[in-house]
């Protein structure tokens, strides 16, 4: 499995935002352990643009992958919430008995961290 080989983090989609997460997890998406692996899969022109600082349409995916990589390195299981209506939470982390939603946004300017409850 790619996850066991140390190439990807697996994030599981939750059908409901309720603990325990594993009871409500079904579909999944993959994040690379290293954003460089993600970039290396793109065509040469896109990879060249990104390396020159023009992240373009890949900006959100690169930032989301970087957050998944950090959470994975903290050995936190990855979960997300997505509904057909368009509602999505990028990551849900369990801290003790609390559910912490994390939303990754890639904007122009300085990076910001925001914690909301």
C-alpha atoms as a PDB file:
ATOM      1  CA  UNK A   1       0.000   0.000   0.000  1.00  0.00           C
ATOM      2  CA  UNK A   2       1.261   3.520  -0.840  1.00  0.00           C
ATOM      3  CA  UNK A   3       0.509   4.754   2.675  1.00  0.00           C
ATOM      4  CA  UNK A   4       2.649   2.052   4.265  1.00  0.00           C
ATOM      5  CA  UNK A   5       5.433   2.753   1.760  1.00  0.00           C
ATOM      6  CA  UNK A   6       5.607   6.335   3.042  1.00  0.00           C
ATOM      7  CA  UNK A   7       4.419   7.997  -0.166  1.00  0.00           C
ATOM      8  CA  UNK A   8       0.929   9.239   0.689  1.00  0.00           C
ATOM      9  CA  UNK A   9      -1.380  10.196   3.521  1.00  0.00           C
ATOM     10  CA  UNK A  10      -4.924   8.857   3.258  1.00  0.00           C
ATOM     11  CA  UNK A  11      -7.750  11.211   4.256  1.00  0.00           C
ATOM     12  CA  UNK A  12     -11.122   9.570   4.805  1.00  0.00           C
ATOM     13  CA  UNK A  13     -14.419  11.301   4.091  1.00  0.00           C
ATOM     14  CA  UNK A  14     -16.881  11.414   6.979  1.00  0.00           C
ATOM     15  CA  UNK A  15     -20.579  10.859   6.364  1.00  0.00           C
ATOM     16  CA  UNK A  16     -21.283  12.628   9.657  1.00  0.00           C
ATOM     17  CA  UNK A  17     -19.176  14.843  11.901  1.00  0.00           C
ATOM     18  CA  UNK A  18     -19.528  12.660  14.970  1.00  0.00           C
ATOM     19  CA  UNK A  19     -17.035  10.783  17.146  1.00  0.00           C
ATOM     20  CA  UNK A  20     -15.628   8.198  16.736  1.00  0.00           C
ATOM     21  CA  UNK A  21     -14.576   9.235  13.237  1.00  0.00           C
ATOM     22  CA  UNK A  22     -13.792   5.712  11.995  1.00  0.00           C
ATOM     23  CA  UNK A  23     -17.434   4.711  12.404  1.00  0.00           C
ATOM     24  CA  UNK A  24     -18.439   7.363   9.850  1.00  0.00           C
ATOM     25  CA  UNK A  25     -15.557   7.163   7.366  1.00  0.00           C
ATOM     26  CA  UNK A  26     -16.053   5.877   3.833  1.00  0.00           C
ATOM     27  CA  UNK A  27     -14.492   7.323   0.638  1.00  0.00           C
ATOM     28  CA  UNK A  28     -10.976   8.724   0.670  1.00  0.00           C
ATOM     29  CA  UNK A  29      -8.523  11.015  -1.063  1.00  0.00           C
ATOM     30  CA  UNK A  30      -4.739  10.914  -1.098  1.00  0.00           C
ATOM     31  CA  UNK A  31      -2.122  13.506  -0.213  1.00  0.00           C
ATOM     32  CA  UNK A  32       1.576  13.087  -0.916  1.00  0.00           C
ATOM     33  CA  UNK A  33       4.017  13.035   2.002  1.00  0.00           C
ATOM     34  CA  UNK A  34       6.008  15.604   0.056  1.00  0.00           C
ATOM     35  CA  UNK A  35       4.510  18.401  -2.044  1.00  0.00           C
ATOM     36  CA  UNK A  36       7.450  17.997  -4.417  1.00  0.00           C
ATOM     37  CA  UNK A  37       6.054  14.591  -5.398  1.00  0.00           C
ATOM     38  CA  UNK A  38       2.734  16.233  -6.237  1.00  0.00           C
ATOM     39  CA  UNK A  39       4.456  18.880  -8.360  1.00  0.00           C
ATOM     40  CA  UNK A  40       6.600  16.260 -10.113  1.00  0.00           C
ATOM     41  CA  UNK A  41       3.427  14.567 -11.409  1.00  0.00           C
ATOM     42  CA  UNK A  42       2.362  17.686 -13.306  1.00  0.00           C
ATOM     43  CA  UNK A  43       3.373  18.386 -16.879  1.00  0.00           C
ATOM     44  CA  UNK A  44       6.746  20.099 -17.364  1.00  0.00           C
ATOM     45  CA  UNK A  45       5.281  23.537 -18.116  1.00  0.00           C
ATOM     46  CA  UNK A  46       3.079  23.576 -14.991  1.00  0.00           C
ATOM     47  CA  UNK A  47       5.933  22.333 -12.799  1.00  0.00           C
ATOM     48  CA  UNK A  48       8.240  25.011 -14.250  1.00  0.00           C
ATOM     49  CA  UNK A  49       5.634  27.733 -13.546  1.00  0.00           C
ATOM     50  CA  UNK A  50       5.237  26.567  -9.939  1.00  0.00           C
ATOM     51  CA  UNK A  51       8.992  26.444  -9.362  1.00  0.00           C
ATOM     52  CA  UNK A  52       9.183  30.025 -10.683  1.00  0.00           C
ATOM     53  CA  UNK A  53       6.595  31.148  -8.116  1.00  0.00           C
ATOM     54  CA  UNK A  54       3.475  31.114 -10.291  1.00  0.00           C
ATOM     55  CA  UNK A  55       1.295  28.626  -8.421  1.00  0.00           C
ATOM     56  CA  UNK A  56      -1.766  29.379 -10.534  1.00  0.00           C
ATOM     57  CA  UNK A  57      -4.680  26.977 -10.184  1.00  0.00           C
ATOM     58  CA  UNK A  58      -2.516  24.567  -8.173  1.00  0.00           C
ATOM     59  CA  UNK A  59      -2.077  26.952  -5.230  1.00  0.00           C
ATOM     60  CA  UNK A  60      -4.951  25.545  -3.145  1.00  0.00           C
ATOM     61  CA  UNK A  61      -3.950  21.939  -3.793  1.00  0.00           C
ATOM     62  CA  UNK A  62      -0.321  22.620  -2.860  1.00  0.00           C
ATOM     63  CA  UNK A  63      -1.267  24.335   0.412  1.00  0.00           C
ATOM     64  CA  UNK A  64      -3.808  21.639   1.287  1.00  0.00           C
ATOM     65  CA  UNK A  65      -1.187  18.961   0.585  1.00  0.00           C
ATOM     66  CA  UNK A  66       1.317  20.781   2.818  1.00  0.00           C
ATOM     67  CA  UNK A  67      -1.180  20.860   5.714  1.00  0.00           C
ATOM     68  CA  UNK A  68      -1.964  17.156   5.215  1.00  0.00           C
ATOM     69  CA  UNK A  69       1.769  16.433   5.274  1.00  0.00           C
ATOM     70  CA  UNK A  70       2.202  18.330   8.566  1.00  0.00           C
ATOM     71  CA  UNK A  71      -0.768  16.579  10.190  1.00  0.00           C
ATOM     72  CA  UNK A  72       0.494  13.208   8.957  1.00  0.00           C
ATOM     73  CA  UNK A  73       3.939  13.849  10.399  1.00  0.00           C
ATOM     74  CA  UNK A  74       2.227  14.498  13.747  1.00  0.00           C
ATOM     75  CA  UNK A  75       0.695  11.019  13.255  1.00  0.00           C
ATOM     76  CA  UNK A  76      -2.814  12.430  13.223  1.00  0.00           C
ATOM     77  CA  UNK A  77      -5.318  10.449  11.180  1.00  0.00           C
ATOM     78  CA  UNK A  78      -6.741  12.532   8.336  1.00  0.00           C
ATOM     79  CA  UNK A  79     -10.458  13.059   7.907  1.00  0.00           C
ATOM     80  CA  UNK A  80     -12.457  15.500   5.820  1.00  0.00           C
ATOM     81  CA  UNK A  81     -16.129  16.218   5.287  1.00  0.00           C
ATOM     82  CA  UNK A  82     -17.681  16.657   1.880  1.00  0.00           C
ATOM     83  CA  UNK A  83     -21.292  16.617   0.736  1.00  0.00           C
ATOM     84  CA  UNK A  84     -22.755  16.722  -2.759  1.00  0.00           C
ATOM     85  CA  UNK A  85     -24.259  20.121  -1.889  1.00  0.00           C
ATOM     86  CA  UNK A  86     -20.759  21.615  -2.058  1.00  0.00           C
ATOM     87  CA  UNK A  87     -20.219  21.868   1.698  1.00  0.00           C
ATOM     88  CA  UNK A  88     -16.664  20.822   2.524  1.00  0.00           C
ATOM     89  CA  UNK A  89     -14.295  20.957   5.484  1.00  0.00           C
ATOM     90  CA  UNK A  90     -10.701  20.280   4.478  1.00  0.00           C
ATOM     91  CA  UNK A  91      -9.654  18.500   7.677  1.00  0.00           C
ATOM     92  CA  UNK A  92     -11.255  17.372  10.920  1.00  0.00           C
ATOM     93  CA  UNK A  93      -8.952  16.595  13.817  1.00  0.00           C
ATOM     94  CA  UNK A  94      -9.923  14.964  17.059  1.00  0.00           C
ATOM     95  CA  UNK A  95      -8.332  16.559  20.103  1.00  0.00           C
ATOM     96  CA  UNK A  96      -9.368  14.684  23.242  1.00  0.00           C
ATOM     97  CA  UNK A  97     -13.173  14.736  22.929  1.00  0.00           C
ATOM     98  CA  UNK A  98     -13.353  17.827  20.726  1.00  0.00           C
ATOM     99  CA  UNK A  99     -13.638  18.009  16.958  1.00  0.00           C
ATOM    100  CA  UNK A 100     -11.411  20.696  15.453  1.00  0.00           C
ATOM    101  CA  UNK A 101     -12.301  21.753  11.878  1.00  0.00           C
ATOM    102  CA  UNK A 102      -9.403  23.025   9.751  1.00  0.00           C
ATOM    103  CA  UNK A 103     -10.043  24.931   6.553  1.00  0.00           C
ATOM    104  CA  UNK A 104      -7.090  25.629   4.249  1.00  0.00           C
ATOM    105  CA  UNK A 105      -7.227  28.813   2.197  1.00  0.00           C
ATOM    106  CA  UNK A 106      -4.617  29.947  -0.302  1.00  0.00           C
ATOM    107  CA  UNK A 107      -4.788  33.692  -0.871  1.00  0.00           C
ATOM    108  CA  UNK A 108      -2.406  36.324  -2.134  1.00  0.00           C
ATOM    109  CA  UNK A 109      -0.348  37.940   0.584  1.00  0.00           C
ATOM    110  CA  UNK A 110       0.782  36.658   3.958  1.00  0.00           C
ATOM    111  CA  UNK A 111      -0.217  33.273   5.297  1.00  0.00           C
ATOM    112  CA  UNK A 112      -2.591  33.353   8.261  1.00  0.00           C
ATOM    113  CA  UNK A 113      -3.684  30.798  10.767  1.00  0.00           C
ATOM    114  CA  UNK A 114      -7.230  30.966  12.029  1.00  0.00           C
ATOM    115  CA  UNK A 115      -8.903  28.948  14.737  1.00  0.00           C
ATOM    116  CA  UNK A 116     -12.693  29.110  14.899  1.00  0.00           C
ATOM    117  CA  UNK A 117     -15.206  27.361  17.120  1.00  0.00           C
END
